[in-house]
Structures are given as structure tokens and as C-alpha cells.
Amino acid sequence: MAARLEGIDGDPFTGICISNVTIEMAPKAKKVPWTCTDVSGVTIGVSPKPCDALPEQAASCPFPSDSLPIENVEQKLCSFRASYK
């Protein structure tokens, strides 16, 4: 199975956009590689072909240009030397 996307019954996940994805399937993989329930959106350049709820679109995904706070976190290097006697 390539993907299993499940939204919430009565309150589906919407606005999904999957772009530039190729999933290699096993030789004995299921004939239906995608399972989608209560979701909607679009895909661009996705293989194998996704479920009908995620049709192919010609334009690119409108990914947000703003950054998340976690992207600005600076890591500090700490060191500790232990001596065993």
C-alpha cells in the first residue's frame, strides 16, 4: 500500500496537496495502492496514481512561505568529560 489517508467522518481533512512523490511498490502489492476516506485535495506529479479524492492538478501546491518557530531554534553544543577511577 502506498498510502492510507483517513479523515474524520462528517469533518473531512481538506486542502491536502501532495507534490512530486514517487512510491515504489512491491511486486505483489495490492491492486489499489491508495486508500482515502473523508479527505479531499490535489496532487501534482504523484505515482502511483492516488485515489479519486486527490485528483491530478497542473498548478503547484500553495505551500506556506512563512516559517515555523522550530525552524529558528539554534542548537548549542555541550560537552562533559568524565573520569573513572
PDB file of N, CA and C in Angstrom:
ATOM      1  N   MET A   1       0.841  -1.174   0.000  1.00  0.00           N
ATOM      2  CA  MET A   1       0.000   0.000   0.000  1.00  0.00           C
ATOM      3  C   MET A   1       0.890   1.243   0.000  1.00  0.00           C
ATOM      4  N   ALA A   2       0.593   2.170  -0.883  1.00  0.00           N
ATOM      5  CA  ALA A   2       1.360   3.414  -0.964  1.00  0.00           C
ATOM      6  C   ALA A   2       0.977   4.362   0.166  1.00  0.00           C
ATOM      7  N   ALA A   3      -0.321   4.524   0.390  1.00  0.00           N
ATOM      8  CA  ALA A   3      -0.766   5.448   1.436  1.00  0.00           C
ATOM      9  C   ALA A   3      -2.173   5.111   1.891  1.00  0.00           C
ATOM     10  N   ARG A   4      -2.423   5.429   3.145  1.00  0.00           N
ATOM     11  CA  ARG A   4      -3.758   5.287   3.723  1.00  0.00           C
ATOM     12  C   ARG A   4      -4.061   6.599   4.430  1.00  0.00           C
ATOM     13  N   LEU A   5      -4.971   7.373   3.860  1.00  0.00           N
ATOM     14  CA  LEU A   5      -5.335   8.674   4.411  1.00  0.00           C
ATOM     15  C   LEU A   5      -6.760   8.606   4.924  1.00  0.00           C
ATOM     16  N   GLU A   6      -6.943   8.883   6.201  1.00  0.00           N
ATOM     17  CA  GLU A   6      -8.271   8.822   6.804  1.00  0.00           C
ATOM     18  C   GLU A   6      -8.561  10.119   7.541  1.00  0.00           C
ATOM     19  N   GLY A   7      -9.636  10.783   7.130  1.00  0.00           N
ATOM     20  CA  GLY A   7     -10.075  11.980   7.824  1.00  0.00           C
ATOM     21  C   GLY A   7     -11.061  11.610   8.914  1.00  0.00           C
ATOM     22  N   ILE A   8     -11.876  12.565   9.309  1.00  0.00           N
ATOM     23  CA  ILE A   8     -12.878  12.358  10.348  1.00  0.00           C
ATOM     24  C   ILE A   8     -14.243  12.349   9.685  1.00  0.00           C
ATOM     25  N   ASP A   9     -15.034  11.337   9.975  1.00  0.00           N
ATOM     26  CA  ASP A   9     -16.374  11.219   9.411  1.00  0.00           C
ATOM     27  C   ASP A   9     -17.187  12.465   9.766  1.00  0.00           C
ATOM     28  N   GLY A  10     -17.726  13.149   8.774  1.00  0.00           N
ATOM     29  CA  GLY A  10     -18.508  14.354   8.992  1.00  0.00           C
ATOM     30  C   GLY A  10     -17.667  15.626   9.080  1.00  0.00           C
ATOM     31  N   ASP A  11     -16.375  15.501   9.189  1.00  0.00           N
ATOM     32  CA  ASP A  11     -15.469  16.648   9.250  1.00  0.00           C
ATOM     33  C   ASP A  11     -14.162  16.273   8.550  1.00  0.00           C
ATOM     34  N   PRO A  12     -14.222  16.089   7.222  1.00  0.00           N
ATOM     35  CA  PRO A  12     -13.066  15.559   6.484  1.00  0.00           C
ATOM     36  C   PRO A  12     -11.862  16.497   6.493  1.00  0.00           C
ATOM     37  N   PHE A  13     -10.685  15.907   6.303  1.00  0.00           N
ATOM     38  CA  PHE A  13      -9.462  16.685   6.135  1.00  0.00           C
ATOM     39  C   PHE A  13      -9.480  17.231   4.710  1.00  0.00           C
ATOM     40  N   THR A  14      -9.335  18.539   4.559  1.00  0.00           N
ATOM     41  CA  THR A  14      -9.403  19.167   3.239  1.00  0.00           C
ATOM     42  C   THR A  14      -8.125  19.956   2.971  1.00  0.00           C
ATOM     43  N   GLY A  15      -7.960  20.359   1.735  1.00  0.00           N
ATOM     44  CA  GLY A  15      -6.810  21.177   1.373  1.00  0.00           C
ATOM     45  C   GLY A  15      -5.504  20.406   1.297  1.00  0.00           C
ATOM     46  N   ILE A  16      -5.572  19.090   1.208  1.00  0.00           N
ATOM     47  CA  ILE A  16      -4.362  18.274   1.104  1.00  0.00           C
ATOM     48  C   ILE A  16      -3.727  18.517  -0.262  1.00  0.00           C
ATOM     49  N   CYS A  17      -2.422  18.677  -0.290  1.00  0.00           N
ATOM     50  CA  CYS A  17      -1.701  18.848  -1.549  1.00  0.00           C
ATOM     51  C   CYS A  17      -0.416  18.035  -1.466  1.00  0.00           C
ATOM     52  N   ILE A  18      -0.303  17.037  -2.316  1.00  0.00           N
ATOM     53  CA  ILE A  18       0.871  16.169  -2.353  1.00  0.00           C
ATOM     54  C   ILE A  18       1.570  16.406  -3.687  1.00  0.00           C
ATOM     55  N   SER A  19       2.874  16.701  -3.627  1.00  0.00           N
ATOM     56  CA  SER A  19       3.603  17.075  -4.834  1.00  0.00           C
ATOM     57  C   SER A  19       4.910  16.310  -4.971  1.00  0.00           C
ATOM     58  N   ASN A  20       5.214  15.894  -6.222  1.00  0.00           N
ATOM     59  CA  ASN A  20       6.499  15.299  -6.576  1.00  0.00           C
ATOM     60  C   ASN A  20       6.838  14.077  -5.716  1.00  0.00           C
ATOM     61  N   VAL A  21       5.969  13.078  -5.752  1.00  0.00           N
ATOM     62  CA  VAL A  21       6.155  11.862  -4.950  1.00  0.00           C
ATOM     63  C   VAL A  21       6.096  10.640  -5.856  1.00  0.00           C
ATOM     64  N   THR A  22       7.092   9.781  -5.747  1.00  0.00           N
ATOM     65  CA  THR A  22       7.082   8.501  -6.447  1.00  0.00           C
ATOM     66  C   THR A  22       7.285   7.413  -5.410  1.00  0.00           C
ATOM     67  N   ILE A  23       6.337   6.489  -5.347  1.00  0.00           N
ATOM     68  CA  ILE A  23       6.398   5.395  -4.384  1.00  0.00           C
ATOM     69  C   ILE A  23       6.596   4.098  -5.145  1.00  0.00           C
ATOM     70  N   GLU A  24       7.640   3.391  -4.825  1.00  0.00           N
ATOM     71  CA  GLU A  24       7.938   2.103  -5.463  1.00  0.00           C
ATOM     72  C   GLU A  24       7.120   1.022  -4.758  1.00  0.00           C
ATOM     73  N   MET A  25       6.382   0.255  -5.533  1.00  0.00           N
ATOM     74  CA  MET A  25       5.524  -0.783  -4.970  1.00  0.00           C
ATOM     75  C   MET A  25       6.199  -2.150  -5.077  1.00  0.00           C
ATOM     76  N   ALA A  26       5.916  -2.992  -4.111  1.00  0.00           N
ATOM     77  CA  ALA A  26       6.421  -4.363  -4.132  1.00  0.00           C
ATOM     78  C   ALA A  26       5.766  -5.117  -5.285  1.00  0.00           C
ATOM     79  N   PRO A  27       6.435  -6.130  -5.841  1.00  0.00           N
ATOM     80  CA  PRO A  27       5.864  -6.873  -6.967  1.00  0.00           C
ATOM     81  C   PRO A  27       4.486  -7.475  -6.666  1.00  0.00           C
ATOM     82  N   LYS A  28       4.255  -7.894  -5.433  1.00  0.00           N
ATOM     83  CA  LYS A  28       2.965  -8.497  -5.075  1.00  0.00           C
ATOM     84  C   LYS A  28       2.081  -7.519  -4.300  1.00  0.00           C
ATOM     85  N   ALA A  29       2.211  -6.228  -4.583  1.00  0.00           N
ATOM     86  CA  ALA A  29       1.436  -5.206  -3.875  1.00  0.00           C
ATOM     87  C   ALA A  29      -0.038  -5.285  -4.255  1.00  0.00           C
ATOM     88  N   LYS A  30      -0.877  -4.701  -3.392  1.00  0.00           N
ATOM     89  CA  LYS A  30      -2.313  -4.655  -3.664  1.00  0.00           C
ATOM     90  C   LYS A  30      -2.570  -3.897  -4.961  1.00  0.00           C
ATOM     91  N   LYS A  31      -3.652  -4.245  -5.617  1.00  0.00           N
ATOM     92  CA  LYS A  31      -4.010  -3.574  -6.871  1.00  0.00           C
ATOM     93  C   LYS A  31      -4.433  -2.126  -6.623  1.00  0.00           C
ATOM     94  N   VAL A  32      -4.953  -1.828  -5.430  1.00  0.00           N
ATOM     95  CA  VAL A  32      -5.359  -0.468  -5.077  1.00  0.00           C
ATOM     96  C   VAL A  32      -4.343   0.065  -4.063  1.00  0.00           C
ATOM     97  N   PRO A  33      -3.337   0.829  -4.539  1.00  0.00           N
ATOM     98  CA  PRO A  33      -2.271   1.257  -3.639  1.00  0.00           C
ATOM     99  C   PRO A  33      -2.660   2.370  -2.668  1.00  0.00           C
ATOM    100  N   TRP A  34      -3.722   3.115  -2.962  1.00  0.00           N
ATOM    101  CA  TRP A  34      -4.141   4.217  -2.103  1.00  0.00           C
ATOM    102  C   TRP A  34      -5.494   3.918  -1.478  1.00  0.00           C
ATOM    103  N   THR A  35      -5.649   4.248  -0.208  1.00  0.00           N
ATOM    104  CA  THR A  35      -6.933   4.179   0.475  1.00  0.00           C
ATOM    105  C   THR A  35      -7.199   5.561   1.051  1.00  0.00           C
ATOM    106  N   CYS A  36      -8.299   6.172   0.638  1.00  0.00           N
ATOM    107  CA  CYS A  36      -8.636   7.517   1.101  1.00  0.00           C
ATOM    108  C   CYS A  36     -10.071   7.543   1.605  1.00  0.00           C
ATOM    109  N   THR A  37     -10.255   8.042   2.810  1.00  0.00           N
ATOM    110  CA  THR A  37     -11.579   8.163   3.405  1.00  0.00           C
ATOM    111  C   THR A  37     -11.690   9.528   4.066  1.00  0.00           C
ATOM    112  N   ASP A  38     -12.740  10.255   3.746  1.00  0.00           N
ATOM    113  CA  ASP A  38     -13.005  11.560   4.358  1.00  0.00           C
ATOM    114  C   ASP A  38     -11.832  12.529   4.197  1.00  0.00           C
ATOM    115  N   VAL A  39     -11.281  12.597   2.986  1.00  0.00           N
ATOM    116  CA  VAL A  39     -10.210  13.545   2.666  1.00  0.00           C
ATOM    117  C   VAL A  39     -10.480  14.150   1.291  1.00  0.00           C
ATOM    118  N   SER A  40      -9.927  15.333   1.047  1.00  0.00           N
ATOM    119  CA  SER A  40     -10.000  15.924  -0.289  1.00  0.00           C
ATOM    120  C   SER A  40      -8.794  16.829  -0.489  1.00  0.00           C
ATOM    121  N   GLY A  41      -8.414  16.975  -1.743  1.00  0.00           N
ATOM    122  CA  GLY A  41      -7.263  17.800  -2.068  1.00  0.00           C
ATOM    123  C   GLY A  41      -6.816  17.555  -3.488  1.00  0.00           C
ATOM    124  N   VAL A  42      -5.539  17.805  -3.751  1.00  0.00           N
ATOM    125  CA  VAL A  42      -4.990  17.652  -5.095  1.00  0.00           C
ATOM    126  C   VAL A  42      -3.600  17.034  -5.020  1.00  0.00           C
ATOM    127  N   THR A  43      -3.137  16.555  -6.168  1.00  0.00           N
ATOM    128  CA  THR A  43      -1.783  16.023  -6.281  1.00  0.00           C
ATOM    129  C   THR A  43      -1.138  16.576  -7.544  1.00  0.00           C
ATOM    130  N   ILE A  44       0.188  16.627  -7.530  1.00  0.00           N
ATOM    131  CA  ILE A  44       0.953  17.049  -8.694  1.00  0.00           C
ATOM    132  C   ILE A  44       2.154  16.123  -8.805  1.00  0.00           C
ATOM    133  N   GLY A  45       2.243  15.377  -9.893  1.00  0.00           N
ATOM    134  CA  GLY A  45       3.394  14.511 -10.118  1.00  0.00           C
ATOM    135  C   GLY A  45       3.520  13.389  -9.107  1.00  0.00           C
ATOM    136  N   VAL A  46       2.419  12.680  -8.848  1.00  0.00           N
ATOM    137  CA  VAL A  46       2.418  11.594  -7.861  1.00  0.00           C
ATOM    138  C   VAL A  46       2.219  10.257  -8.563  1.00  0.00           C
ATOM    139  N   SER A  47       3.043   9.285  -8.198  1.00  0.00           N
ATOM    140  CA  SER A  47       2.954   7.938  -8.761  1.00  0.00           C
ATOM    141  C   SER A  47       3.170   6.920  -7.645  1.00  0.00           C
ATOM    142  N   PRO A  48       2.339   5.879  -7.570  1.00  0.00           N
ATOM    143  CA  PRO A  48       1.210   5.546  -8.425  1.00  0.00           C
ATOM    144  C   PRO A  48       0.061   6.537  -8.243  1.00  0.00           C
ATOM    145  N   LYS A  49      -0.839   6.525  -9.226  1.00  0.00           N
ATOM    146  CA  LYS A  49      -1.972   7.445  -9.233  1.00  0.00           C
ATOM    147  C   LYS A  49      -2.739   7.332  -7.924  1.00  0.00           C
ATOM    148  N   PRO A  50      -2.968   8.471  -7.253  1.00  0.00           N
ATOM    149  CA  PRO A  50      -3.693   8.444  -5.986  1.00  0.00           C
ATOM    150  C   PRO A  50      -5.183   8.188  -6.165  1.00  0.00           C
ATOM    151  N   CYS A  51      -5.883   8.156  -5.056  1.00  0.00           N
ATOM    152  CA  CYS A  51      -7.326   7.913  -5.066  1.00  0.00           C
ATOM    153  C   CYS A  51      -8.059   9.085  -5.726  1.00  0.00           C
ATOM    154  N   ASP A  52      -9.324   8.874  -6.073  1.00  0.00           N
ATOM    155  CA  ASP A  52     -10.118   9.890  -6.762  1.00  0.00           C
ATOM    156  C   ASP A  52     -10.297  11.162  -5.935  1.00  0.00           C
ATOM    157  N   ALA A  53     -10.195  11.071  -4.613  1.00  0.00           N
ATOM    158  CA  ALA A  53     -10.350  12.245  -3.744  1.00  0.00           C
ATOM    159  C   ALA A  53      -9.164  13.202  -3.856  1.00  0.00           C
ATOM    160  N   LEU A  54      -8.081  12.739  -4.503  1.00  0.00           N
ATOM    161  CA  LEU A  54      -6.877  13.560  -4.678  1.00  0.00           C
ATOM    162  C   LEU A  54      -6.492  13.602  -6.157  1.00  0.00           C
ATOM    163  N   PRO A  55      -7.293  14.301  -6.991  1.00  0.00           N
ATOM    164  CA  PRO A  55      -7.022  14.313  -8.434  1.00  0.00           C
ATOM    165  C   PRO A  55      -5.747  15.076  -8.789  1.00  0.00           C
ATOM    166  N   GLU A  56      -5.226  14.775  -9.977  1.00  0.00           N
ATOM    167  CA  GLU A  56      -4.031  15.454 -10.511  1.00  0.00           C
ATOM    168  C   GLU A  56      -4.399  16.888 -10.878  1.00  0.00           C
ATOM    169  N   GLN A  57      -3.509  17.813 -10.572  1.00  0.00           N
ATOM    170  CA  GLN A  57      -3.709  19.231 -10.864  1.00  0.00           C
ATOM    171  C   GLN A  57      -2.469  19.755 -11.579  1.00  0.00           C
ATOM    172  N   ALA A  58      -2.625  20.742 -12.438  1.00  0.00           N
ATOM    173  CA  ALA A  58      -1.493  21.258 -13.207  1.00  0.00           C
ATOM    174  C   ALA A  58      -0.650  22.267 -12.425  1.00  0.00           C
ATOM    175  N   ALA A  59      -1.261  23.040 -11.544  1.00  0.00           N
ATOM    176  CA  ALA A  59      -0.529  24.074 -10.800  1.00  0.00           C
ATOM    177  C   ALA A  59       0.220  23.473  -9.613  1.00  0.00           C
ATOM    178  N   SER A  60       1.096  24.265  -9.023  1.00  0.00           N
ATOM    179  CA  SER A  60       1.861  23.773  -7.876  1.00  0.00           C
ATOM    180  C   SER A  60       1.074  23.939  -6.574  1.00  0.00           C
ATOM    181  N   CYS A  61       1.501  23.219  -5.559  1.00  0.00           N
ATOM    182  CA  CYS A  61       0.862  23.301  -4.245  1.00  0.00           C
ATOM    183  C   CYS A  61       1.162  24.666  -3.623  1.00  0.00           C
ATOM    184  N   PRO A  62       0.162  25.290  -3.022  1.00  0.00           N
ATOM    185  CA  PRO A  62       0.392  26.593  -2.388  1.00  0.00           C
ATOM    186  C   PRO A  62       0.987  26.424  -0.985  1.00  0.00           C
ATOM    187  N   PHE A  63       2.240  25.970  -0.926  1.00  0.00           N
ATOM    188  CA  PHE A  63       2.873  25.770   0.375  1.00  0.00           C
ATOM    189  C   PHE A  63       3.075  27.121   1.051  1.00  0.00           C
ATOM    190  N   PRO A  64       2.913  27.187   2.372  1.00  0.00           N
ATOM    191  CA  PRO A  64       3.103  28.464   3.073  1.00  0.00           C
ATOM    192  C   PRO A  64       4.559  28.932   2.989  1.00  0.00           C
ATOM    193  N   SER A  65       4.741  30.229   2.869  1.00  0.00           N
ATOM    194  CA  SER A  65       6.094  30.774   2.775  1.00  0.00           C
ATOM    195  C   SER A  65       6.641  31.196   4.138  1.00  0.00           C
ATOM    196  N   ASP A  66       5.751  31.336   5.134  1.00  0.00           N
ATOM    197  CA  ASP A  66       6.230  31.713   6.463  1.00  0.00           C
ATOM    198  C   ASP A  66       6.866  30.512   7.157  1.00  0.00           C
ATOM    199  N   SER A  67       7.760  30.783   8.081  1.00  0.00           N
ATOM    200  CA  SER A  67       8.463  29.695   8.764  1.00  0.00           C
ATOM    201  C   SER A  67       7.817  29.402  10.116  1.00  0.00           C
ATOM    202  N   LEU A  68       8.046  28.196  10.592  1.00  0.00           N
ATOM    203  CA  LEU A  68       7.569  27.791  11.907  1.00  0.00           C
ATOM    204  C   LEU A  68       8.621  28.173  12.943  1.00  0.00           C
ATOM    205  N   PRO A  69       8.219  28.452  14.177  1.00  0.00           N
ATOM    206  CA  PRO A  69       9.191  28.815  15.215  1.00  0.00           C
ATOM    207  C   PRO A  69      10.309  27.787  15.386  1.00  0.00           C
ATOM    208  N   ILE A  70      10.016  26.518  15.204  1.00  0.00           N
ATOM    209  CA  ILE A  70      11.028  25.476  15.386  1.00  0.00           C
ATOM    210  C   ILE A  70      12.167  25.612  14.375  1.00  0.00           C
ATOM    211  N   GLU A  71      11.894  26.244  13.240  1.00  0.00           N
ATOM    212  CA  GLU A  71      12.926  26.412  12.221  1.00  0.00           C
ATOM    213  C   GLU A  71      13.999  27.424  12.633  1.00  0.00           C
ATOM    214  N   ASN A  72      13.721  28.249  13.637  1.00  0.00           N
ATOM    215  CA  ASN A  72      14.665  29.268  14.089  1.00  0.00           C
ATOM    216  C   ASN A  72      15.418  28.873  15.362  1.00  0.00           C
ATOM    217  N   VAL A  73      15.218  27.672  15.840  1.00  0.00           N
ATOM    218  CA  VAL A  73      15.891  27.217  17.053  1.00  0.00           C
ATOM    219  C   VAL A  73      17.361  26.957  16.746  1.00  0.00           C
ATOM    220  N   GLU A  74      18.233  27.502  17.573  1.00  0.00           N
ATOM    221  CA  GLU A  74      19.664  27.274  17.424  1.00  0.00           C
ATOM    222  C   GLU A  74      20.108  26.268  18.474  1.00  0.00           C
ATOM    223  N   GLN A  75      20.809  25.250  18.043  1.00  0.00           N
ATOM    224  CA  GLN A  75      21.297  24.240  18.969  1.00  0.00           C
ATOM    225  C   GLN A  75      22.642  24.665  19.527  1.00  0.00           C
ATOM    226  N   LYS A  76      22.836  24.333  20.803  1.00  0.00           N
ATOM    227  CA  LYS A  76      24.107  24.632  21.452  1.00  0.00           C
ATOM    228  C   LYS A  76      24.818  23.320  21.723  1.00  0.00           C
ATOM    229  N   LEU A  77      26.124  23.348  21.619  1.00  0.00           N
ATOM    230  CA  LEU A  77      26.930  22.160  21.852  1.00  0.00           C
ATOM    231  C   LEU A  77      27.427  22.172  23.291  1.00  0.00           C
ATOM    232  N   CYS A  78      27.125  21.117  23.995  1.00  0.00           N
ATOM    233  CA  CYS A  78      27.582  20.966  25.371  1.00  0.00           C
ATOM    234  C   CYS A  78      28.495  19.749  25.424  1.00  0.00           C
ATOM    235  N   SER A  79      29.528  19.835  26.238  1.00  0.00           N
ATOM    236  CA  SER A  79      30.403  18.676  26.381  1.00  0.00           C
ATOM    237  C   SER A  79      30.680  18.437  27.855  1.00  0.00           C
ATOM    238  N   PHE A  80      30.950  17.199  28.165  1.00  0.00           N
ATOM    239  CA  PHE A  80      31.237  16.797  29.537  1.00  0.00           C
ATOM    240  C   PHE A  80      32.247  15.675  29.486  1.00  0.00           C
ATOM    241  N   ARG A  81      33.271  15.791  30.270  1.00  0.00           N
ATOM    242  CA  ARG A  81      34.286  14.750  30.310  1.00  0.00           C
ATOM    243  C   ARG A  81      34.240  14.111  31.696  1.00  0.00           C
ATOM    244  N   ALA A  82      34.037  12.835  31.719  1.00  0.00           N
ATOM    245  CA  ALA A  82      34.000  12.097  32.985  1.00  0.00           C
ATOM    246  C   ALA A  82      35.300  11.323  33.144  1.00  0.00           C
ATOM    247  N   SER A  83      35.763  11.274  34.361  1.00  0.00           N
ATOM    248  CA  SER A  83      36.953  10.456  34.617  1.00  0.00           C
ATOM    249  C   SER A  83      36.570   9.347  35.589  1.00  0.00           C
ATOM    250  N   TYR A  84      36.913   8.162  35.229  1.00  0.00           N
ATOM    251  CA  TYR A  84      36.605   6.993  36.048  1.00  0.00           C
ATOM    252  C   TYR A  84      37.881   6.522  36.737  1.00  0.00           C
ATOM    253  N   LYS A  85      37.786   6.255  38.019  1.00  0.00           N
ATOM    254  CA  LYS A  85      38.966   5.791  38.775  1.00  0.00           C
ATOM    255  C   LYS A  85      38.798   4.378  39.249  1.00  0.00           C
TER     256      LYS A  85
END
